[in-house]
C-alpha atoms as a PDB file:
ATOM      1  CA  MET A   1     -49.308 -35.701 254.338  1.00  0.00           C
ATOM      2  CA  ALA A   2     -47.419 -37.983 251.959  1.00  0.00           C
ATOM      3  CA  ARG A   3     -44.628 -36.443 249.911  1.00  0.00           C
ATOM      4  CA  ARG A   4     -44.773 -36.930 246.182  1.00  0.00           C
ATOM      5  CA  SER A   5     -41.531 -37.962 244.545  1.00  0.00           C
ATOM      6  CA  ILE A   6     -40.213 -35.904 241.661  1.00  0.00           C
ATOM      7  CA  MET A   7     -38.204 -38.778 240.187  1.00  0.00           C
ATOM      8  CA  SER A   8     -39.853 -42.056 239.287  1.00  0.00           C
ATOM      9  CA  GLU A   9     -38.594 -45.226 240.917  1.00  0.00           C
ATOM     10  CA  LYS A  10     -37.566 -46.450 237.460  1.00  0.00           C
ATOM     11  CA  LEU A  11     -35.371 -43.368 236.901  1.00  0.00           C
ATOM     12  CA  LYS A  12     -33.829 -43.679 240.363  1.00  0.00           C
ATOM     13  CA  MET A  13     -32.899 -47.298 239.675  1.00  0.00           C
ATOM     14  CA  GLU A  14     -31.456 -46.405 236.252  1.00  0.00           C
ATOM     15  CA  LEU A  15     -29.266 -43.782 237.897  1.00  0.00           C
ATOM     16  CA  ALA A  16     -28.305 -46.172 240.699  1.00  0.00           C
ATOM     17  CA  GLU A  17     -27.274 -48.745 238.076  1.00  0.00           C
ATOM     18  CA  GLU A  18     -25.169 -46.129 236.306  1.00  0.00           C
ATOM     19  CA  LEU A  19     -23.466 -45.138 239.555  1.00  0.00           C
ATOM     20  CA  GLY A  20     -22.924 -48.731 240.667  1.00  0.00           C
ATOM     21  CA  VAL A  21     -25.042 -48.585 243.828  1.00  0.00           C
ATOM     22  CA  ALA A  22     -28.071 -50.528 242.584  1.00  0.00           C
ATOM     23  CA  ASP A  23     -26.954 -53.665 244.446  1.00  0.00           C
ATOM     24  CA  VAL A  24     -27.052 -51.777 247.752  1.00  0.00           C
ATOM     25  CA  VAL A  25     -30.515 -50.399 246.928  1.00  0.00           C
ATOM     26  CA  ARG A  26     -31.847 -53.862 246.056  1.00  0.00           C
ATOM     27  CA  ALA A  27     -30.249 -55.564 249.053  1.00  0.00           C
ATOM     28  CA  GLU A  28     -31.568 -53.019 251.531  1.00  0.00           C
ATOM     29  CA  GLY A  29     -34.942 -52.474 249.878  1.00  0.00           C
ATOM     30  CA  GLY A  30     -34.403 -48.772 249.306  1.00  0.00           C
ATOM     31  CA  PHE A  31     -32.019 -45.862 249.261  1.00  0.00           C
ATOM     32  CA  GLY A  32     -31.710 -45.610 253.051  1.00  0.00           C
ATOM     33  CA  ASN A  33     -28.249 -47.180 253.233  1.00  0.00           C
ATOM     34  CA  VAL A  34     -26.778 -45.479 250.191  1.00  0.00           C
ATOM     35  CA  SER A  35     -24.076 -43.035 251.267  1.00  0.00           C
ATOM     36  CA  SER A  36     -24.875 -39.339 251.206  1.00  0.00           C
ATOM     37  CA  ARG A  37     -22.063 -38.854 248.683  1.00  0.00           C
ATOM     38  CA  ASN A  38     -23.657 -41.354 246.304  1.00  0.00           C
ATOM     39  CA  CYS A  39     -27.101 -39.821 246.840  1.00  0.00           C
ATOM     40  CA  GLY A  40     -25.605 -36.451 245.927  1.00  0.00           C
ATOM     41  CA  ASN A  41     -24.037 -37.998 242.831  1.00  0.00           C
ATOM     42  CA  LEU A  42     -27.418 -39.475 241.940  1.00  0.00           C
ATOM     43  CA  VAL A  43     -29.063 -36.044 242.162  1.00  0.00           C
ATOM     44  CA  ARG A  44     -26.242 -34.458 240.151  1.00  0.00           C
ATOM     45  CA  LEU A  45     -26.649 -37.073 237.438  1.00  0.00           C
ATOM     46  CA  ALA A  46     -30.420 -36.525 237.358  1.00  0.00           C
ATOM     47  CA  ILE A  47     -29.894 -32.775 236.949  1.00  0.00           C
ATOM     48  CA  GLN A  48     -27.413 -33.369 234.126  1.00  0.00           C
ATOM     49  CA  ARG A  49     -29.884 -35.628 232.343  1.00  0.00           C
ATOM     50  CA  ALA A  50     -32.665 -33.070 232.719  1.00  0.00           C
ATOM     51  CA  GLY A  51     -30.384 -30.355 231.355  1.00  0.00           C
ATOM     52  CA  ASN A  52     -29.433 -32.503 228.383  1.00  0.00           C
ATOM     53  CA  ALA A  53     -33.084 -33.262 227.679  1.00  0.00           C
ATOM     54  CA  MET A  54     -33.874 -29.543 227.552  1.00  0.00           C
ATOM     55  CA  VAL A  55     -31.184 -28.840 224.944  1.00  0.00           C
END
């Protein structure tokens, strides 16, 4: 069964740009080689944005 992503690819790339890891994502064709620390930062940033949107 395929997993459905909560975040759109567009949002993920926006966050990756903001964190400075978009070049790695583009070069590798995905988020597989992004460090776990940066992936955690990406999730944290997404949660912050969602929280700000609710206010």
